């Protein structure tokens, strides 16, 4: 079973909600800047929140600044966003699997933890 058989992102924004967003590493910052076609200083001023060494995307009305009925920077989004919801913690603990699966409508209905682990071990 490949990822496409058990998960398809619906760009619903459930994973884009919250008062914080994912942290961006240097590659994320460069990819986002290139995708937007803007100098990093402008991207930083308009879209990012920097706290010490932590760089995150700003939030607006409880969502990531780039969420507007879907991810507006889908091709340039950070690696953590690309990875979600297929987080490694889902393989390590069935309760993590259940929590994430139940919060994301992109998962195939009725997918079991055992099916998920088997599918992920084949990839």
PDB file of N, CA and C in Angstrom:
ATOM      1  N   UNK A   1       0.864  -1.176   0.000  1.00  0.00           N
ATOM      2  CA  UNK A   1       0.000   0.000   0.000  1.00  0.00           C
ATOM      3  C   UNK A   1       0.904   1.232   0.000  1.00  0.00           C
ATOM      4  N   UNK A   2       0.781   2.060  -0.989  1.00  0.00           N
ATOM      5  CA  UNK A   2       1.588   3.273  -1.019  1.00  0.00           C
ATOM      6  C   UNK A   2       0.864   4.391  -0.285  1.00  0.00           C
ATOM      7  N   UNK A   3       1.613   5.480  -0.030  1.00  0.00           N
ATOM      8  CA  UNK A   3       1.038   6.630   0.668  1.00  0.00           C
ATOM      9  C   UNK A   3      -0.246   7.093   0.005  1.00  0.00           C
ATOM     10  N   UNK A   4      -0.277   7.093  -1.312  1.00  0.00           N
ATOM     11  CA  UNK A   4      -1.463   7.576  -2.019  1.00  0.00           C
ATOM     12  C   UNK A   4      -2.678   6.682  -1.796  1.00  0.00           C
ATOM     13  N   UNK A   5      -2.450   5.447  -1.339  1.00  0.00           N
ATOM     14  CA  UNK A   5      -3.568   4.554  -1.049  1.00  0.00           C
ATOM     15  C   UNK A   5      -4.184   4.797   0.321  1.00  0.00           C
ATOM     16  N   UNK A   6      -3.460   5.449   1.221  1.00  0.00           N
ATOM     17  CA  UNK A   6      -4.019   5.673   2.545  1.00  0.00           C
ATOM     18  C   UNK A   6      -4.074   7.143   2.950  1.00  0.00           C
ATOM     19  N   UNK A   7      -3.422   8.023   2.185  1.00  0.00           N
ATOM     20  CA  UNK A   7      -3.447   9.433   2.535  1.00  0.00           C
ATOM     21  C   UNK A   7      -3.419  10.307   1.289  1.00  0.00           C
ATOM     22  N   UNK A   8      -4.279  11.323   1.285  1.00  0.00           N
ATOM     23  CA  UNK A   8      -4.275  12.338   0.228  1.00  0.00           C
ATOM     24  C   UNK A   8      -4.592  13.676   0.887  1.00  0.00           C
ATOM     25  N   UNK A   9      -3.659  14.614   0.820  1.00  0.00           N
ATOM     26  CA  UNK A   9      -3.860  15.919   1.439  1.00  0.00           C
ATOM     27  C   UNK A   9      -5.051  16.620   0.790  1.00  0.00           C
ATOM     28  N   UNK A  10      -5.932  17.125   1.618  1.00  0.00           N
ATOM     29  CA  UNK A  10      -7.115  17.858   1.134  1.00  0.00           C
ATOM     30  C   UNK A  10      -6.951  19.366   1.289  1.00  0.00           C
ATOM     31  N   UNK A  11      -5.793  19.795   1.777  1.00  0.00           N
ATOM     32  CA  UNK A  11      -5.517  21.209   2.025  1.00  0.00           C
ATOM     33  C   UNK A  11      -6.661  21.868   2.809  1.00  0.00           C
ATOM     34  N   UNK A  12      -7.123  21.150   3.819  1.00  0.00           N
ATOM     35  CA  UNK A  12      -8.239  21.615   4.644  1.00  0.00           C
ATOM     36  C   UNK A  12      -7.809  22.658   5.668  1.00  0.00           C
ATOM     37  N   UNK A  13      -6.524  22.693   5.993  1.00  0.00           N
ATOM     38  CA  UNK A  13      -6.022  23.668   6.945  1.00  0.00           C
ATOM     39  C   UNK A  13      -6.026  23.226   8.393  1.00  0.00           C
ATOM     40  N   UNK A  14      -6.495  22.024   8.689  1.00  0.00           N
ATOM     41  CA  UNK A  14      -6.484  21.573  10.076  1.00  0.00           C
ATOM     42  C   UNK A  14      -5.071  21.621  10.648  1.00  0.00           C
ATOM     43  N   UNK A  15      -4.095  21.211   9.864  1.00  0.00           N
ATOM     44  CA  UNK A  15      -2.715  21.191  10.363  1.00  0.00           C
ATOM     45  C   UNK A  15      -2.065  22.566  10.299  1.00  0.00           C
ATOM     46  N   UNK A  16      -2.741  23.535   9.727  1.00  0.00           N
ATOM     47  CA  UNK A  16      -2.211  24.901   9.611  1.00  0.00           C
ATOM     48  C   UNK A  16      -2.753  25.815  10.701  1.00  0.00           C
ATOM     49  N   UNK A  17      -3.546  25.271  11.616  1.00  0.00           N
ATOM     50  CA  UNK A  17      -4.157  26.056  12.687  1.00  0.00           C
ATOM     51  C   UNK A  17      -3.254  26.129  13.897  1.00  0.00           C
ATOM     52  N   UNK A  18      -3.420  27.184  14.667  1.00  0.00           N
ATOM     53  CA  UNK A  18      -2.715  27.310  15.928  1.00  0.00           C
ATOM     54  C   UNK A  18      -2.109  28.684  16.093  1.00  0.00           C
ATOM     55  N   UNK A  19      -1.554  28.907  17.245  1.00  0.00           N
ATOM     56  CA  UNK A  19      -0.934  30.192  17.544  1.00  0.00           C
ATOM     57  C   UNK A  19       0.538  30.216  17.166  1.00  0.00           C
ATOM     58  N   UNK A  20       1.090  29.056  16.836  1.00  0.00           N
ATOM     59  CA  UNK A  20       2.463  28.973  16.348  1.00  0.00           C
ATOM     60  C   UNK A  20       2.467  28.102  15.101  1.00  0.00           C
ATOM     61  N   UNK A  21       3.556  28.160  14.375  1.00  0.00           N
ATOM     62  CA  UNK A  21       3.721  27.306  13.206  1.00  0.00           C
ATOM     63  C   UNK A  21       5.034  26.552  13.366  1.00  0.00           C
ATOM     64  N   UNK A  22       5.401  25.798  12.362  1.00  0.00           N
ATOM     65  CA  UNK A  22       6.651  25.039  12.427  1.00  0.00           C
ATOM     66  C   UNK A  22       7.848  25.975  12.347  1.00  0.00           C
ATOM     67  N   UNK A  23       8.969  25.506  12.875  1.00  0.00           N
ATOM     68  CA  UNK A  23      10.215  26.253  12.765  1.00  0.00           C
ATOM     69  C   UNK A  23      10.820  25.988  11.386  1.00  0.00           C
ATOM     70  N   UNK A  24      11.413  27.015  10.812  1.00  0.00           N
ATOM     71  CA  UNK A  24      12.024  26.918   9.492  1.00  0.00           C
ATOM     72  C   UNK A  24      13.539  26.835   9.629  1.00  0.00           C
ATOM     73  N   UNK A  25      14.123  25.838   8.983  1.00  0.00           N
ATOM     74  CA  UNK A  25      15.581  25.783   8.950  1.00  0.00           C
ATOM     75  C   UNK A  25      16.076  26.653   7.791  1.00  0.00           C
ATOM     76  N   UNK A  26      17.383  26.708   7.595  1.00  0.00           N
ATOM     77  CA  UNK A  26      17.959  27.576   6.568  1.00  0.00           C
ATOM     78  C   UNK A  26      17.446  27.209   5.175  1.00  0.00           C
ATOM     79  N   UNK A  27      17.372  25.927   4.876  1.00  0.00           N
ATOM     80  CA  UNK A  27      16.884  25.487   3.558  1.00  0.00           C
ATOM     81  C   UNK A  27      15.421  25.901   3.351  1.00  0.00           C
ATOM     82  N   UNK A  28      14.609  25.797   4.408  1.00  0.00           N
ATOM     83  CA  UNK A  28      13.205  26.230   4.324  1.00  0.00           C
ATOM     84  C   UNK A  28      13.120  27.714   4.005  1.00  0.00           C
ATOM     85  N   UNK A  29      13.939  28.506   4.685  1.00  0.00           N
ATOM     86  CA  UNK A  29      13.923  29.948   4.477  1.00  0.00           C
ATOM     87  C   UNK A  29      14.312  30.291   3.045  1.00  0.00           C
ATOM     88  N   UNK A  30      15.328  29.619   2.530  1.00  0.00           N
ATOM     89  CA  UNK A  30      15.770  29.865   1.152  1.00  0.00           C
ATOM     90  C   UNK A  30      14.717  29.421   0.146  1.00  0.00           C
ATOM     91  N   UNK A  31      14.108  28.250   0.368  1.00  0.00           N
ATOM     92  CA  UNK A  31      13.078  27.736  -0.538  1.00  0.00           C
ATOM     93  C   UNK A  31      11.865  28.660  -0.553  1.00  0.00           C
ATOM     94  N   UNK A  32      11.450  29.126   0.609  1.00  0.00           N
ATOM     95  CA  UNK A  32      10.301  30.012   0.701  1.00  0.00           C
ATOM     96  C   UNK A  32      10.579  31.335  -0.013  1.00  0.00           C
ATOM     97  N   UNK A  33      11.753  31.883   0.213  1.00  0.00           N
ATOM     98  CA  UNK A  33      12.139  33.142  -0.428  1.00  0.00           C
ATOM     99  C   UNK A  33      12.163  32.980  -1.950  1.00  0.00           C
ATOM    100  N   UNK A  34      12.745  31.901  -2.429  1.00  0.00           N
ATOM    101  CA  UNK A  34      12.798  31.648  -3.874  1.00  0.00           C
ATOM    102  C   UNK A  34      11.396  31.452  -4.444  1.00  0.00           C
ATOM    103  N   UNK A  35      10.569  30.698  -3.726  1.00  0.00           N
ATOM    104  CA  UNK A  35       9.207  30.452  -4.202  1.00  0.00           C
ATOM    105  C   UNK A  35       8.408  31.751  -4.316  1.00  0.00           C
ATOM    106  N   UNK A  36       8.584  32.629  -3.342  1.00  0.00           N
ATOM    107  CA  UNK A  36       7.866  33.903  -3.360  1.00  0.00           C
ATOM    108  C   UNK A  36       8.501  34.917  -4.309  1.00  0.00           C
ATOM    109  N   UNK A  37       9.745  34.637  -4.725  1.00  0.00           N
ATOM    110  CA  UNK A  37      10.437  35.556  -5.614  1.00  0.00           C
ATOM    111  C   UNK A  37      10.775  36.871  -4.941  1.00  0.00           C
ATOM    112  N   UNK A  38      11.053  36.809  -3.643  1.00  0.00           N
ATOM    113  CA  UNK A  38      11.345  38.003  -2.855  1.00  0.00           C
ATOM    114  C   UNK A  38      12.671  37.835  -2.123  1.00  0.00           C
ATOM    115  N   UNK A  39      13.371  38.941  -1.888  1.00  0.00           N
ATOM    116  CA  UNK A  39      14.581  38.848  -1.065  1.00  0.00           C
ATOM    117  C   UNK A  39      14.210  38.376   0.339  1.00  0.00           C
ATOM    118  N   UNK A  40      15.121  37.632   0.966  1.00  0.00           N
ATOM    119  CA  UNK A  40      14.809  37.083   2.275  1.00  0.00           C
ATOM    120  C   UNK A  40      14.441  38.159   3.287  1.00  0.00           C
ATOM    121  N   UNK A  41      15.103  39.307   3.240  1.00  0.00           N
ATOM    122  CA  UNK A  41      14.799  40.384   4.198  1.00  0.00           C
ATOM    123  C   UNK A  41      13.331  40.791   4.104  1.00  0.00           C
ATOM    124  N   UNK A  42      12.781  40.811   2.895  1.00  0.00           N
ATOM    125  CA  UNK A  42      11.369  41.165   2.727  1.00  0.00           C
ATOM    126  C   UNK A  42      10.454  40.040   3.202  1.00  0.00           C
ATOM    127  N   UNK A  43      10.816  38.804   2.894  1.00  0.00           N
ATOM    128  CA  UNK A  43      10.046  37.649   3.372  1.00  0.00           C
ATOM    129  C   UNK A  43      10.010  37.659   4.891  1.00  0.00           C
ATOM    130  N   UNK A  44      11.162  37.889   5.495  1.00  0.00           N
ATOM    131  CA  UNK A  44      11.263  37.930   6.959  1.00  0.00           C
ATOM    132  C   UNK A  44      10.365  39.012   7.545  1.00  0.00           C
ATOM    133  N   UNK A  45      10.415  40.200   6.971  1.00  0.00           N
ATOM    134  CA  UNK A  45       9.628  41.318   7.498  1.00  0.00           C
ATOM    135  C   UNK A  45       8.128  41.106   7.332  1.00  0.00           C
ATOM    136  N   UNK A  46       7.713  40.529   6.221  1.00  0.00           N
ATOM    137  CA  UNK A  46       6.285  40.390   5.923  1.00  0.00           C
ATOM    138  C   UNK A  46       5.640  39.131   6.484  1.00  0.00           C
ATOM    139  N   UNK A  47       6.392  38.043   6.512  1.00  0.00           N
ATOM    140  CA  UNK A  47       5.764  36.750   6.751  1.00  0.00           C
ATOM    141  C   UNK A  47       6.292  35.941   7.934  1.00  0.00           C
ATOM    142  N   UNK A  48       7.439  36.323   8.486  1.00  0.00           N
ATOM    143  CA  UNK A  48       8.064  35.478   9.495  1.00  0.00           C
ATOM    144  C   UNK A  48       8.111  36.131  10.873  1.00  0.00           C
ATOM    145  N   UNK A  49       8.139  35.274  11.877  1.00  0.00           N
ATOM    146  CA  UNK A  49       8.288  35.691  13.269  1.00  0.00           C
ATOM    147  C   UNK A  49       9.605  35.085  13.755  1.00  0.00           C
ATOM    148  N   UNK A  50      10.482  35.926  14.242  1.00  0.00           N
ATOM    149  CA  UNK A  50      11.790  35.468  14.717  1.00  0.00           C
ATOM    150  C   UNK A  50      11.883  35.718  16.215  1.00  0.00           C
ATOM    151  N   UNK A  51      12.130  34.639  16.946  1.00  0.00           N
ATOM    152  CA  UNK A  51      12.291  34.707  18.394  1.00  0.00           C
ATOM    153  C   UNK A  51      13.634  34.067  18.717  1.00  0.00           C
ATOM    154  N   UNK A  52      14.625  34.896  19.016  1.00  0.00           N
ATOM    155  CA  UNK A  52      15.968  34.359  19.218  1.00  0.00           C
ATOM    156  C   UNK A  52      16.460  33.750  17.923  1.00  0.00           C
ATOM    157  N   UNK A  53      16.780  32.445  17.972  1.00  0.00           N
ATOM    158  CA  UNK A  53      17.229  31.740  16.762  1.00  0.00           C
ATOM    159  C   UNK A  53      16.102  30.977  16.081  1.00  0.00           C
ATOM    160  N   UNK A  54      14.904  31.048  16.642  1.00  0.00           N
ATOM    161  CA  UNK A  54      13.761  30.330  16.083  1.00  0.00           C
ATOM    162  C   UNK A  54      13.039  31.200  15.056  1.00  0.00           C
ATOM    163  N   UNK A  55      12.889  30.660  13.860  1.00  0.00           N
ATOM    164  CA  UNK A  55      12.201  31.360  12.771  1.00  0.00           C
ATOM    165  C   UNK A  55      10.942  30.561  12.435  1.00  0.00           C
ATOM    166  N   UNK A  56       9.798  31.217  12.519  1.00  0.00           N
ATOM    167  CA  UNK A  56       8.516  30.575  12.202  1.00  0.00           C
ATOM    168  C   UNK A  56       7.709  31.493  11.295  1.00  0.00           C
ATOM    169  N   UNK A  57       6.741  30.914  10.618  1.00  0.00           N
ATOM    170  CA  UNK A  57       5.814  31.710   9.834  1.00  0.00           C
ATOM    171  C   UNK A  57       4.839  32.387  10.796  1.00  0.00           C
ATOM    172  N   UNK A  58       4.443  33.597  10.497  1.00  0.00           N
ATOM    173  CA  UNK A  58       3.472  34.305  11.323  1.00  0.00           C
ATOM    174  C   UNK A  58       2.122  33.599  11.242  1.00  0.00           C
ATOM    175  N   UNK A  59       1.256  33.901  12.200  1.00  0.00           N
ATOM    176  CA  UNK A  59      -0.117  33.407  12.155  1.00  0.00           C
ATOM    177  C   UNK A  59      -1.059  34.598  12.012  1.00  0.00           C
ATOM    178  N   UNK A  60      -2.169  34.346  11.352  1.00  0.00           N
ATOM    179  CA  UNK A  60      -3.212  35.346  11.160  1.00  0.00           C
ATOM    180  C   UNK A  60      -4.541  34.657  11.445  1.00  0.00           C
ATOM    181  N   UNK A  61      -5.311  35.190  12.371  1.00  0.00           N
ATOM    182  CA  UNK A  61      -6.610  34.615  12.727  1.00  0.00           C
ATOM    183  C   UNK A  61      -6.525  33.119  13.030  1.00  0.00           C
ATOM    184  N   UNK A  62      -5.452  32.723  13.749  1.00  0.00           N
ATOM    185  CA  UNK A  62      -5.319  31.337  14.180  1.00  0.00           C
ATOM    186  C   UNK A  62      -4.833  30.366  13.127  1.00  0.00           C
ATOM    187  N   UNK A  63      -4.377  30.866  11.989  1.00  0.00           N
ATOM    188  CA  UNK A  63      -3.835  30.006  10.931  1.00  0.00           C
ATOM    189  C   UNK A  63      -2.469  30.525  10.508  1.00  0.00           C
ATOM    190  N   UNK A  64      -1.699  29.664   9.892  1.00  0.00           N
ATOM    191  CA  UNK A  64      -0.442  30.072   9.259  1.00  0.00           C
ATOM    192  C   UNK A  64      -0.753  31.201   8.279  1.00  0.00           C
ATOM    193  N   UNK A  65       0.118  32.171   8.179  1.00  0.00           N
ATOM    194  CA  UNK A  65      -0.076  33.320   7.303  1.00  0.00           C
ATOM    195  C   UNK A  65      -0.258  32.906   5.839  1.00  0.00           C
ATOM    196  N   UNK A  66       0.238  31.729   5.481  1.00  0.00           N
ATOM    197  CA  UNK A  66       0.148  31.272   4.093  1.00  0.00           C
ATOM    198  C   UNK A  66      -1.079  30.389   3.822  1.00  0.00           C
ATOM    199  N   UNK A  67      -1.959  30.256   4.799  1.00  0.00           N
ATOM    200  CA  UNK A  67      -3.168  29.461   4.579  1.00  0.00           C
ATOM    201  C   UNK A  67      -4.315  30.365   4.160  1.00  0.00           C
ATOM    202  N   UNK A  68      -4.914  30.058   3.017  1.00  0.00           N
ATOM    203  CA  UNK A  68      -6.090  30.770   2.520  1.00  0.00           C
ATOM    204  C   UNK A  68      -6.878  29.786   1.663  1.00  0.00           C
ATOM    205  N   UNK A  69      -7.735  28.995   2.313  1.00  0.00           N
ATOM    206  CA  UNK A  69      -8.458  27.914   1.628  1.00  0.00           C
ATOM    207  C   UNK A  69      -7.492  26.965   0.940  1.00  0.00           C
ATOM    208  N   UNK A  70      -6.382  26.712   1.580  1.00  0.00           N
ATOM    209  CA  UNK A  70      -5.313  25.866   1.070  1.00  0.00           C
ATOM    210  C   UNK A  70      -3.990  26.583   1.267  1.00  0.00           C
ATOM    211  N   UNK A  71      -2.924  25.862   1.101  1.00  0.00           N
ATOM    212  CA  UNK A  71      -1.591  26.434   1.274  1.00  0.00           C
ATOM    213  C   UNK A  71      -1.240  27.257   0.045  1.00  0.00           C
ATOM    214  N   UNK A  72      -0.970  28.531   0.256  1.00  0.00           N
ATOM    215  CA  UNK A  72      -0.658  29.421  -0.861  1.00  0.00           C
ATOM    216  C   UNK A  72       0.808  29.332  -1.284  1.00  0.00           C
ATOM    217  N   UNK A  73       1.614  28.603  -0.512  1.00  0.00           N
ATOM    218  CA  UNK A  73       3.020  28.412  -0.877  1.00  0.00           C
ATOM    219  C   UNK A  73       3.348  26.912  -0.918  1.00  0.00           C
ATOM    220  N   UNK A  74       2.409  26.119  -1.349  1.00  0.00           N
ATOM    221  CA  UNK A  74       2.527  24.659  -1.301  1.00  0.00           C
ATOM    222  C   UNK A  74       3.869  24.156  -1.837  1.00  0.00           C
ATOM    223  N   UNK A  75       4.309  24.655  -2.972  1.00  0.00           N
ATOM    224  CA  UNK A  75       5.566  24.194  -3.556  1.00  0.00           C
ATOM    225  C   UNK A  75       6.790  24.685  -2.784  1.00  0.00           C
ATOM    226  N   UNK A  76       6.660  25.751  -2.020  1.00  0.00           N
ATOM    227  CA  UNK A  76       7.785  26.301  -1.285  1.00  0.00           C
ATOM    228  C   UNK A  76       7.717  26.101   0.212  1.00  0.00           C
ATOM    229  N   UNK A  77       6.798  25.283   0.666  1.00  0.00           N
ATOM    230  CA  UNK A  77       6.577  25.150   2.110  1.00  0.00           C
ATOM    231  C   UNK A  77       7.706  24.391   2.814  1.00  0.00           C
ATOM    232  N   UNK A  78       7.842  24.606   4.136  1.00  0.00           N
ATOM    233  CA  UNK A  78       8.902  23.972   4.929  1.00  0.00           C
ATOM    234  C   UNK A  78       8.812  22.446   4.930  1.00  0.00           C
ATOM    235  N   UNK A  79       9.958  21.817   5.193  1.00  0.00           N
ATOM    236  CA  UNK A  79       9.998  20.353   5.176  1.00  0.00           C
ATOM    237  C   UNK A  79       9.081  19.745   6.218  1.00  0.00           C
ATOM    238  N   UNK A  80       8.902  20.396   7.360  1.00  0.00           N
ATOM    239  CA  UNK A  80       8.014  19.833   8.381  1.00  0.00           C
ATOM    240  C   UNK A  80       6.567  19.835   7.892  1.00  0.00           C
ATOM    241  N   UNK A  81       6.191  20.848   7.150  1.00  0.00           N
ATOM    242  CA  UNK A  81       4.846  20.891   6.575  1.00  0.00           C
ATOM    243  C   UNK A  81       4.698  19.815   5.501  1.00  0.00           C
ATOM    244  N   UNK A  82       5.754  19.610   4.721  1.00  0.00           N
ATOM    245  CA  UNK A  82       5.738  18.575   3.676  1.00  0.00           C
ATOM    246  C   UNK A  82       5.580  17.189   4.296  1.00  0.00           C
ATOM    247  N   UNK A  83       6.199  16.996   5.448  1.00  0.00           N
ATOM    248  CA  UNK A  83       6.180  15.707   6.131  1.00  0.00           C
ATOM    249  C   UNK A  83       4.815  15.412   6.762  1.00  0.00           C
ATOM    250  N   UNK A  84       4.172  16.446   7.281  1.00  0.00           N
ATOM    251  CA  UNK A  84       2.937  16.262   8.031  1.00  0.00           C
ATOM    252  C   UNK A  84       1.821  15.779   7.126  1.00  0.00           C
ATOM    253  N   UNK A  85       0.969  14.891   7.609  1.00  0.00           N
ATOM    254  CA  UNK A  85       0.867  14.332   8.954  1.00  0.00           C
ATOM    255  C   UNK A  85       1.635  13.030   9.130  1.00  0.00           C
ATOM    256  N   UNK A  86       2.427  12.648   8.140  1.00  0.00           N
ATOM    257  CA  UNK A  86       3.141  11.375   8.220  1.00  0.00           C
ATOM    258  C   UNK A  86       4.396  11.530   9.071  1.00  0.00           C
ATOM    259  N   UNK A  87       4.158  11.801  10.333  1.00  0.00           N
ATOM    260  CA  UNK A  87       5.212  12.069  11.298  1.00  0.00           C
ATOM    261  C   UNK A  87       5.758  10.757  11.851  1.00  0.00           C
ATOM    262  N   UNK A  88       7.073  10.652  12.045  1.00  0.00           N
ATOM    263  CA  UNK A  88       7.660   9.405  12.572  1.00  0.00           C
ATOM    264  C   UNK A  88       7.047   8.930  13.881  1.00  0.00           C
ATOM    265  N   UNK A  89       6.524   9.850  14.682  1.00  0.00           N
ATOM    266  CA  UNK A  89       5.926   9.442  15.962  1.00  0.00           C
ATOM    267  C   UNK A  89       4.729   8.531  15.756  1.00  0.00           C
ATOM    268  N   UNK A  90       4.124   8.579  14.570  1.00  0.00           N
ATOM    269  CA  UNK A  90       2.972   7.713  14.285  1.00  0.00           C
ATOM    270  C   UNK A  90       3.375   6.245  14.243  1.00  0.00           C
ATOM    271  N   UNK A  91       4.609   5.973  13.833  1.00  0.00           N
ATOM    272  CA  UNK A  91       5.086   4.596  13.762  1.00  0.00           C
ATOM    273  C   UNK A  91       5.459   4.064  15.143  1.00  0.00           C
ATOM    274  N   UNK A  92       5.896   4.960  16.003  1.00  0.00           N
ATOM    275  CA  UNK A  92       6.396   4.557  17.315  1.00  0.00           C
ATOM    276  C   UNK A  92       5.304   4.287  18.333  1.00  0.00           C
ATOM    277  N   UNK A  93       4.122   4.859  18.133  1.00  0.00           N
ATOM    278  CA  UNK A  93       3.091   4.790  19.166  1.00  0.00           C
ATOM    279  C   UNK A  93       1.705   4.822  18.529  1.00  0.00           C
ATOM    280  N   UNK A  94       0.919   3.821  18.815  1.00  0.00           N
ATOM    281  CA  UNK A  94      -0.419   3.743  18.216  1.00  0.00           C
ATOM    282  C   UNK A  94      -1.310   4.897  18.656  1.00  0.00           C
ATOM    283  N   UNK A  95      -1.095   5.429  19.860  1.00  0.00           N
ATOM    284  CA  UNK A  95      -1.933   6.555  20.287  1.00  0.00           C
ATOM    285  C   UNK A  95      -1.589   7.808  19.485  1.00  0.00           C
ATOM    286  N   UNK A  96      -0.318   7.989  19.105  1.00  0.00           N
ATOM    287  CA  UNK A  96       0.037   9.098  18.224  1.00  0.00           C
ATOM    288  C   UNK A  96      -0.627   8.917  16.862  1.00  0.00           C
ATOM    289  N   UNK A  97      -0.603   7.692  16.352  1.00  0.00           N
ATOM    290  CA  UNK A  97      -1.268   7.396  15.085  1.00  0.00           C
ATOM    291  C   UNK A  97      -2.744   7.765  15.166  1.00  0.00           C
ATOM    292  N   UNK A  98      -3.417   7.313  16.210  1.00  0.00           N
ATOM    293  CA  UNK A  98      -4.856   7.574  16.352  1.00  0.00           C
ATOM    294  C   UNK A  98      -5.155   9.068  16.448  1.00  0.00           C
ATOM    295  N   UNK A  99      -4.362   9.787  17.233  1.00  0.00           N
ATOM    296  CA  UNK A  99      -4.581  11.224  17.406  1.00  0.00           C
ATOM    297  C   UNK A  99      -4.421  11.961  16.084  1.00  0.00           C
ATOM    298  N   UNK A 100      -3.337  11.684  15.385  1.00  0.00           N
ATOM    299  CA  UNK A 100      -3.082  12.372  14.114  1.00  0.00           C
ATOM    300  C   UNK A 100      -4.080  11.944  13.048  1.00  0.00           C
ATOM    301  N   UNK A 101      -4.336  10.646  12.932  1.00  0.00           N
ATOM    302  CA  UNK A 101      -5.289  10.162  11.931  1.00  0.00           C
ATOM    303  C   UNK A 101      -6.679  10.773  12.144  1.00  0.00           C
ATOM    304  N   UNK A 102      -7.095  10.868  13.401  1.00  0.00           N
ATOM    305  CA  UNK A 102      -8.422  11.395  13.697  1.00  0.00           C
ATOM    306  C   UNK A 102      -8.525  12.901  13.505  1.00  0.00           C
ATOM    307  N   UNK A 103      -7.394  13.590  13.471  1.00  0.00           N
ATOM    308  CA  UNK A 103      -7.429  15.040  13.286  1.00  0.00           C
ATOM    309  C   UNK A 103      -7.223  15.447  11.829  1.00  0.00           C
ATOM    310  N   UNK A 104      -6.985  14.492  10.958  1.00  0.00           N
ATOM    311  CA  UNK A 104      -6.678  14.796   9.557  1.00  0.00           C
ATOM    312  C   UNK A 104      -7.629  14.042   8.631  1.00  0.00           C
ATOM    313  N   UNK A 105      -8.485  14.761   7.910  1.00  0.00           N
ATOM    314  CA  UNK A 105      -9.438  14.101   7.018  1.00  0.00           C
ATOM    315  C   UNK A 105      -8.818  13.508   5.764  1.00  0.00           C
ATOM    316  N   UNK A 106      -7.511  13.680   5.583  1.00  0.00           N
ATOM    317  CA  UNK A 106      -6.853  13.124   4.404  1.00  0.00           C
ATOM    318  C   UNK A 106      -6.579  11.637   4.493  1.00  0.00           C
ATOM    319  N   UNK A 107      -6.712  11.061   5.694  1.00  0.00           N
ATOM    320  CA  UNK A 107      -6.468   9.626   5.849  1.00  0.00           C
ATOM    321  C   UNK A 107      -7.660   8.809   5.372  1.00  0.00           C
ATOM    322  N   UNK A 108      -7.359   7.668   4.788  1.00  0.00           N
ATOM    323  CA  UNK A 108      -8.381   6.724   4.356  1.00  0.00           C
ATOM    324  C   UNK A 108      -9.233   6.315   5.559  1.00  0.00           C
ATOM    325  N   UNK A 109     -10.526   6.329   5.418  1.00  0.00           N
ATOM    326  CA  UNK A 109     -11.444   5.927   6.478  1.00  0.00           C
ATOM    327  C   UNK A 109     -11.200   4.470   6.837  1.00  0.00           C
ATOM    328  N   UNK A 110     -11.111   4.206   8.130  1.00  0.00           N
ATOM    329  CA  UNK A 110     -10.950   2.839   8.611  1.00  0.00           C
ATOM    330  C   UNK A 110      -9.529   2.326   8.608  1.00  0.00           C
ATOM    331  N   UNK A 111      -8.559   3.142   8.230  1.00  0.00           N
ATOM    332  CA  UNK A 111      -7.165   2.712   8.217  1.00  0.00           C
ATOM    333  C   UNK A 111      -6.732   2.318   9.625  1.00  0.00           C
ATOM    334  N   UNK A 112      -6.169   1.136   9.767  1.00  0.00           N
ATOM    335  CA  UNK A 112      -5.718   0.677  11.077  1.00  0.00           C
ATOM    336  C   UNK A 112      -4.240   0.994  11.277  1.00  0.00           C
ATOM    337  N   UNK A 113      -3.834   0.976  12.516  1.00  0.00           N
ATOM    338  CA  UNK A 113      -2.435   1.199  12.871  1.00  0.00           C
ATOM    339  C   UNK A 113      -1.540   0.150  12.204  1.00  0.00           C
ATOM    340  N   UNK A 114      -1.983  -1.092  12.204  1.00  0.00           N
ATOM    341  CA  UNK A 114      -1.195  -2.163  11.607  1.00  0.00           C
ATOM    342  C   UNK A 114      -1.047  -1.953  10.099  1.00  0.00           C
ATOM    343  N   UNK A 115      -2.120  -1.569   9.415  1.00  0.00           N
ATOM    344  CA  UNK A 115      -2.044  -1.280   7.982  1.00  0.00           C
ATOM    345  C   UNK A 115      -1.083  -0.134   7.695  1.00  0.00           C
ATOM    346  N   UNK A 116      -1.154   0.902   8.525  1.00  0.00           N
ATOM    347  CA  UNK A 116      -0.301   2.062   8.353  1.00  0.00           C
ATOM    348  C   UNK A 116       1.170   1.673   8.528  1.00  0.00           C
ATOM    349  N   UNK A 117       1.475   0.955   9.609  1.00  0.00           N
ATOM    350  CA  UNK A 117       2.867   0.537   9.852  1.00  0.00           C
ATOM    351  C   UNK A 117       3.390  -0.329   8.720  1.00  0.00           C
ATOM    352  N   UNK A 118       2.585  -1.257   8.244  1.00  0.00           N
ATOM    353  CA  UNK A 118       3.002  -2.112   7.151  1.00  0.00           C
ATOM    354  C   UNK A 118       3.270  -1.305   5.884  1.00  0.00           C
ATOM    355  N   UNK A 119       2.380  -0.398   5.565  1.00  0.00           N
ATOM    356  CA  UNK A 119       2.542   0.434   4.369  1.00  0.00           C
ATOM    357  C   UNK A 119       3.790   1.302   4.460  1.00  0.00           C
ATOM    358  N   UNK A 120       4.037   1.888   5.634  1.00  0.00           N
ATOM    359  CA  UNK A 120       5.180   2.769   5.800  1.00  0.00           C
ATOM    360  C   UNK A 120       6.492   1.986   5.778  1.00  0.00           C
ATOM    361  N   UNK A 121       6.469   0.734   6.200  1.00  0.00           N
ATOM    362  CA  UNK A 121       7.696  -0.065   6.184  1.00  0.00           C
ATOM    363  C   UNK A 121       8.082  -0.465   4.769  1.00  0.00           C
ATOM    364  N   UNK A 122       7.155  -0.412   3.839  1.00  0.00           N
ATOM    365  CA  UNK A 122       7.426  -0.766   2.443  1.00  0.00           C
ATOM    366  C   UNK A 122       7.981   0.416   1.655  1.00  0.00           C
ATOM    367  N   UNK A 123       7.767   1.638   2.158  1.00  0.00           N
ATOM    368  CA  UNK A 123       8.219   2.832   1.423  1.00  0.00           C
ATOM    369  C   UNK A 123       9.686   3.116   1.642  1.00  0.00           C
TER     370      UNK A 123
END
